[in-house]
């Protein structure tokens, strides 16, 4: 279902909780590990997750690492909201 390098490769498909229920066409959420070693970043106007990932990781596709380290994000786009300005978010180091 997912390629072997996907962070969702071990995710299990949803199955109905009761017989006859309509199943959700996605996968269960993957386990999020503890983010060891972090940098604190104060959100400024114009910050976006992809731009932060490019700045800190030199790879804009790693924005999801920042979301994983900040469980208060319900949606990745939350970082651009005006009420996020001035708040501190965590930027985890890449394990490796």
N, C-alpha and C. Protein backbone atom coordinates (compact mmCIF):
# COMPACT_ATOMS: atom_id res chain seq x y z
N UNK A 1 0.82 -1.19 0.00
CA UNK A 1 0.00 0.00 0.00
C UNK A 1 0.87 1.26 0.00
N UNK A 2 1.88 1.33 0.87
CA UNK A 2 2.80 2.45 0.92
C UNK A 2 4.18 1.96 0.53
N UNK A 3 5.01 2.85 -0.01
CA UNK A 3 6.36 2.40 -0.35
C UNK A 3 7.15 2.15 0.93
N UNK A 4 8.22 1.45 0.83
CA UNK A 4 8.96 1.00 2.03
C UNK A 4 9.62 2.13 2.79
N UNK A 5 9.73 3.30 2.21
CA UNK A 5 10.32 4.44 2.91
C UNK A 5 9.27 5.36 3.53
N UNK A 6 7.99 5.05 3.36
CA UNK A 6 6.92 5.88 3.90
C UNK A 6 6.86 5.77 5.42
N UNK A 7 6.56 6.88 6.09
CA UNK A 7 6.41 6.83 7.54
C UNK A 7 5.12 6.13 7.94
N UNK A 8 4.27 5.82 6.97
CA UNK A 8 3.01 5.10 7.22
C UNK A 8 3.08 3.63 6.81
N UNK A 9 4.25 3.13 6.45
CA UNK A 9 4.36 1.76 5.92
C UNK A 9 3.85 0.69 6.88
N UNK A 10 3.91 0.93 8.20
CA UNK A 10 3.46 -0.06 9.18
C UNK A 10 2.06 0.21 9.71
N UNK A 11 1.40 1.23 9.16
CA UNK A 11 0.05 1.56 9.63
C UNK A 11 -0.93 0.47 9.19
N UNK A 12 -1.90 0.17 10.05
CA UNK A 12 -2.91 -0.83 9.74
C UNK A 12 -4.14 -0.17 9.16
N UNK A 13 -4.80 -0.83 8.20
CA UNK A 13 -6.05 -0.25 7.68
C UNK A 13 -7.14 -0.26 8.75
N UNK A 14 -8.07 0.67 8.65
CA UNK A 14 -9.22 0.70 9.55
C UNK A 14 -10.12 -0.49 9.24
N UNK A 15 -10.72 -1.03 10.26
CA UNK A 15 -11.74 -2.06 10.09
C UNK A 15 -12.95 -1.60 10.89
N UNK A 16 -14.15 -1.94 10.41
CA UNK A 16 -15.35 -1.49 11.13
C UNK A 16 -15.38 -2.03 12.55
N UNK A 17 -15.85 -1.20 13.49
CA UNK A 17 -15.94 -1.59 14.90
C UNK A 17 -17.07 -2.59 15.11
N UNK A 18 -18.08 -2.51 14.27
CA UNK A 18 -19.20 -3.44 14.40
C UNK A 18 -19.58 -3.94 13.01
N UNK A 19 -20.09 -5.14 12.93
CA UNK A 19 -20.45 -5.70 11.62
C UNK A 19 -21.45 -4.82 10.88
N UNK A 20 -21.23 -4.64 9.60
CA UNK A 20 -22.13 -3.86 8.77
C UNK A 20 -21.84 -2.37 8.75
N UNK A 21 -20.93 -1.90 9.60
CA UNK A 21 -20.59 -0.48 9.61
C UNK A 21 -19.75 -0.14 8.38
N UNK A 22 -19.87 1.06 7.91
CA UNK A 22 -19.08 1.49 6.76
C UNK A 22 -17.65 1.77 7.23
N UNK A 23 -16.66 1.09 6.64
CA UNK A 23 -15.27 1.32 7.07
C UNK A 23 -14.74 2.64 6.53
N UNK A 24 -13.85 3.22 7.26
CA UNK A 24 -13.15 4.43 6.82
C UNK A 24 -12.11 3.98 5.81
N UNK A 25 -11.96 4.70 4.72
CA UNK A 25 -11.06 4.29 3.66
C UNK A 25 -9.61 4.66 3.86
N UNK A 26 -9.18 4.84 5.08
CA UNK A 26 -7.79 5.23 5.34
C UNK A 26 -7.09 4.22 6.22
N UNK A 27 -6.03 4.68 6.86
CA UNK A 27 -5.26 3.83 7.76
C UNK A 27 -5.29 4.42 9.15
N UNK A 28 -5.01 3.58 10.13
CA UNK A 28 -4.92 4.06 11.51
C UNK A 28 -3.70 4.97 11.63
N UNK A 29 -3.74 5.91 12.58
CA UNK A 29 -2.59 6.80 12.73
C UNK A 29 -1.35 6.01 13.12
N UNK A 30 -0.22 6.49 12.66
CA UNK A 30 1.04 5.84 13.02
C UNK A 30 1.44 6.28 14.42
N UNK A 31 2.24 5.50 15.06
CA UNK A 31 2.74 5.85 16.40
C UNK A 31 3.74 7.00 16.26
N UNK A 32 3.59 8.01 17.09
CA UNK A 32 4.51 9.13 17.09
C UNK A 32 5.48 8.94 18.25
N UNK A 33 6.76 8.94 17.92
CA UNK A 33 7.79 8.74 18.94
C UNK A 33 8.15 10.04 19.64
N UNK A 34 8.74 9.92 20.82
CA UNK A 34 9.22 11.07 21.56
C UNK A 34 10.30 11.78 20.74
N UNK A 35 10.25 13.09 20.66
CA UNK A 35 11.22 13.87 19.91
C UNK A 35 12.38 14.25 20.83
N UNK A 36 13.47 13.53 20.71
CA UNK A 36 14.65 13.80 21.53
C UNK A 36 15.48 14.91 20.90
N UNK A 37 15.95 15.82 21.70
CA UNK A 37 16.77 16.91 21.22
C UNK A 37 15.96 17.87 20.36
N UNK A 38 15.65 19.01 20.90
CA UNK A 38 14.80 19.95 20.16
C UNK A 38 15.40 21.35 20.19
N UNK A 39 14.96 22.13 19.23
CA UNK A 39 15.28 23.55 19.16
C UNK A 39 13.96 24.27 19.38
N UNK A 40 13.96 25.34 20.13
CA UNK A 40 12.75 26.13 20.31
C UNK A 40 12.74 27.23 19.26
N UNK A 41 11.60 27.38 18.60
CA UNK A 41 11.44 28.40 17.56
C UNK A 41 10.24 29.26 17.91
N UNK A 42 10.44 30.56 17.90
CA UNK A 42 9.34 31.49 18.15
C UNK A 42 8.69 31.82 16.81
N UNK A 43 7.39 31.57 16.70
CA UNK A 43 6.66 31.77 15.46
C UNK A 43 6.58 33.25 15.11
N UNK A 44 6.96 33.57 13.86
CA UNK A 44 6.91 34.93 13.34
C UNK A 44 5.96 34.98 12.15
N UNK A 45 5.55 36.16 11.79
CA UNK A 45 4.70 36.34 10.61
C UNK A 45 5.41 35.76 9.39
N UNK A 46 4.68 35.02 8.59
CA UNK A 46 5.24 34.43 7.38
C UNK A 46 5.80 33.03 7.57
N UNK A 47 5.90 32.56 8.82
CA UNK A 47 6.37 31.19 9.05
C UNK A 47 5.35 30.19 8.50
N UNK A 48 5.86 29.17 7.85
CA UNK A 48 5.05 28.04 7.41
C UNK A 48 5.86 26.79 7.70
N UNK A 49 5.19 25.69 7.90
CA UNK A 49 5.90 24.45 8.26
C UNK A 49 6.90 24.04 7.19
N UNK A 50 6.54 24.14 5.92
CA UNK A 50 7.49 23.75 4.88
C UNK A 50 8.72 24.66 4.87
N UNK A 51 8.51 25.95 5.13
CA UNK A 51 9.65 26.87 5.17
C UNK A 51 10.53 26.62 6.39
N UNK A 52 9.91 26.30 7.52
CA UNK A 52 10.70 25.97 8.71
C UNK A 52 11.50 24.69 8.49
N UNK A 53 10.88 23.70 7.86
CA UNK A 53 11.58 22.44 7.58
C UNK A 53 12.76 22.69 6.63
N UNK A 54 12.56 23.55 5.66
CA UNK A 54 13.67 23.86 4.74
C UNK A 54 14.80 24.56 5.49
N UNK A 55 14.44 25.48 6.39
CA UNK A 55 15.45 26.21 7.16
C UNK A 55 16.23 25.29 8.09
N UNK A 56 15.51 24.47 8.87
CA UNK A 56 16.17 23.64 9.89
C UNK A 56 16.71 22.32 9.36
N UNK A 57 16.10 21.75 8.33
CA UNK A 57 16.49 20.43 7.83
C UNK A 57 17.02 20.45 6.40
N UNK A 58 16.92 21.61 5.74
CA UNK A 58 17.28 21.72 4.33
C UNK A 58 16.43 20.77 3.46
N UNK A 59 15.19 20.53 3.92
CA UNK A 59 14.27 19.65 3.20
C UNK A 59 12.85 20.03 3.58
N UNK A 60 12.14 20.67 2.67
CA UNK A 60 10.79 21.14 3.00
C UNK A 60 9.77 20.02 3.15
N UNK A 61 10.10 18.81 2.76
CA UNK A 61 9.18 17.69 2.91
C UNK A 61 9.17 17.09 4.32
N UNK A 62 10.04 17.56 5.17
CA UNK A 62 10.11 17.03 6.54
C UNK A 62 9.28 17.86 7.52
N UNK A 63 8.32 18.63 7.03
CA UNK A 63 7.46 19.46 7.88
C UNK A 63 6.72 18.63 8.91
N UNK A 64 6.41 17.38 8.60
CA UNK A 64 5.65 16.53 9.51
C UNK A 64 6.41 16.24 10.80
N UNK A 65 7.74 16.31 10.79
CA UNK A 65 8.52 16.13 12.03
C UNK A 65 8.17 17.23 13.03
N UNK A 66 7.96 18.44 12.53
CA UNK A 66 7.61 19.56 13.40
C UNK A 66 6.20 19.37 13.96
N UNK A 67 5.28 18.89 13.14
CA UNK A 67 3.92 18.61 13.61
C UNK A 67 3.95 17.53 14.69
N UNK A 68 4.73 16.46 14.47
CA UNK A 68 4.81 15.38 15.47
C UNK A 68 5.35 15.87 16.81
N UNK A 69 6.27 16.84 16.79
CA UNK A 69 6.88 17.34 18.03
C UNK A 69 5.98 18.35 18.75
N UNK A 70 4.91 18.78 18.11
CA UNK A 70 4.01 19.78 18.68
C UNK A 70 2.58 19.26 18.66
N UNK A 71 2.22 18.44 19.63
CA UNK A 71 0.90 17.79 19.62
C UNK A 71 -0.28 18.76 19.69
N UNK A 72 -0.04 20.04 20.00
CA UNK A 72 -1.14 20.99 20.01
C UNK A 72 -1.61 21.34 18.60
N UNK A 73 -0.82 20.97 17.58
CA UNK A 73 -1.27 21.18 16.20
C UNK A 73 -2.30 20.11 15.86
N UNK A 74 -3.50 20.55 15.54
CA UNK A 74 -4.50 19.62 15.04
C UNK A 74 -4.39 19.54 13.52
N UNK A 75 -3.82 20.55 12.93
CA UNK A 75 -3.69 20.66 11.50
C UNK A 75 -2.40 21.42 11.23
N UNK A 76 -1.63 20.97 10.27
CA UNK A 76 -0.34 21.60 9.99
C UNK A 76 -0.42 23.07 9.64
N UNK A 77 -1.55 23.50 9.08
CA UNK A 77 -1.72 24.89 8.71
C UNK A 77 -1.91 25.82 9.89
N UNK A 78 -2.08 25.26 11.09
CA UNK A 78 -2.31 26.08 12.28
C UNK A 78 -1.16 27.06 12.54
N UNK A 79 0.05 26.75 12.11
CA UNK A 79 1.20 27.60 12.40
C UNK A 79 1.06 28.97 11.75
N UNK A 80 0.24 29.12 10.72
CA UNK A 80 0.10 30.41 10.06
C UNK A 80 -1.00 31.28 10.69
N UNK A 81 -1.71 30.75 11.67
CA UNK A 81 -2.78 31.51 12.31
C UNK A 81 -2.21 32.66 13.14
N UNK A 82 -2.93 33.77 13.18
CA UNK A 82 -2.46 34.94 13.93
C UNK A 82 -2.25 34.64 15.41
N UNK A 83 -3.05 33.76 15.99
CA UNK A 83 -2.88 33.47 17.43
C UNK A 83 -1.63 32.64 17.70
N UNK A 84 -0.93 32.16 16.67
CA UNK A 84 0.33 31.44 16.86
C UNK A 84 1.52 32.39 16.93
N UNK A 85 1.35 33.63 16.47
CA UNK A 85 2.47 34.57 16.46
C UNK A 85 3.02 34.76 17.87
N UNK A 86 4.32 34.62 17.99
CA UNK A 86 4.98 34.78 19.28
C UNK A 86 5.05 33.52 20.11
N UNK A 87 4.29 32.49 19.75
CA UNK A 87 4.34 31.24 20.51
C UNK A 87 5.60 30.47 20.17
N UNK A 88 6.04 29.67 21.11
CA UNK A 88 7.23 28.86 20.89
C UNK A 88 6.81 27.45 20.50
N UNK A 89 7.39 26.97 19.40
CA UNK A 89 7.16 25.59 18.96
C UNK A 89 8.48 24.85 19.00
N UNK A 90 8.41 23.54 19.01
CA UNK A 90 9.60 22.71 19.07
C UNK A 90 9.98 22.20 17.69
N UNK A 91 11.27 22.25 17.40
CA UNK A 91 11.82 21.73 16.15
C UNK A 91 12.73 20.57 16.56
N UNK A 92 12.31 19.32 16.31
CA UNK A 92 13.13 18.19 16.72
C UNK A 92 14.33 17.98 15.81
N UNK A 93 15.36 17.39 16.37
CA UNK A 93 16.51 17.01 15.55
C UNK A 93 16.15 15.76 14.77
N UNK A 94 16.79 15.61 13.64
CA UNK A 94 16.57 14.40 12.85
C UNK A 94 17.40 13.29 13.46
N UNK A 95 16.75 12.18 13.75
CA UNK A 95 17.47 11.02 14.29
C UNK A 95 18.41 10.49 13.22
N UNK A 96 19.56 10.11 13.61
CA UNK A 96 20.44 9.57 12.60
C UNK A 96 21.79 9.55 13.08
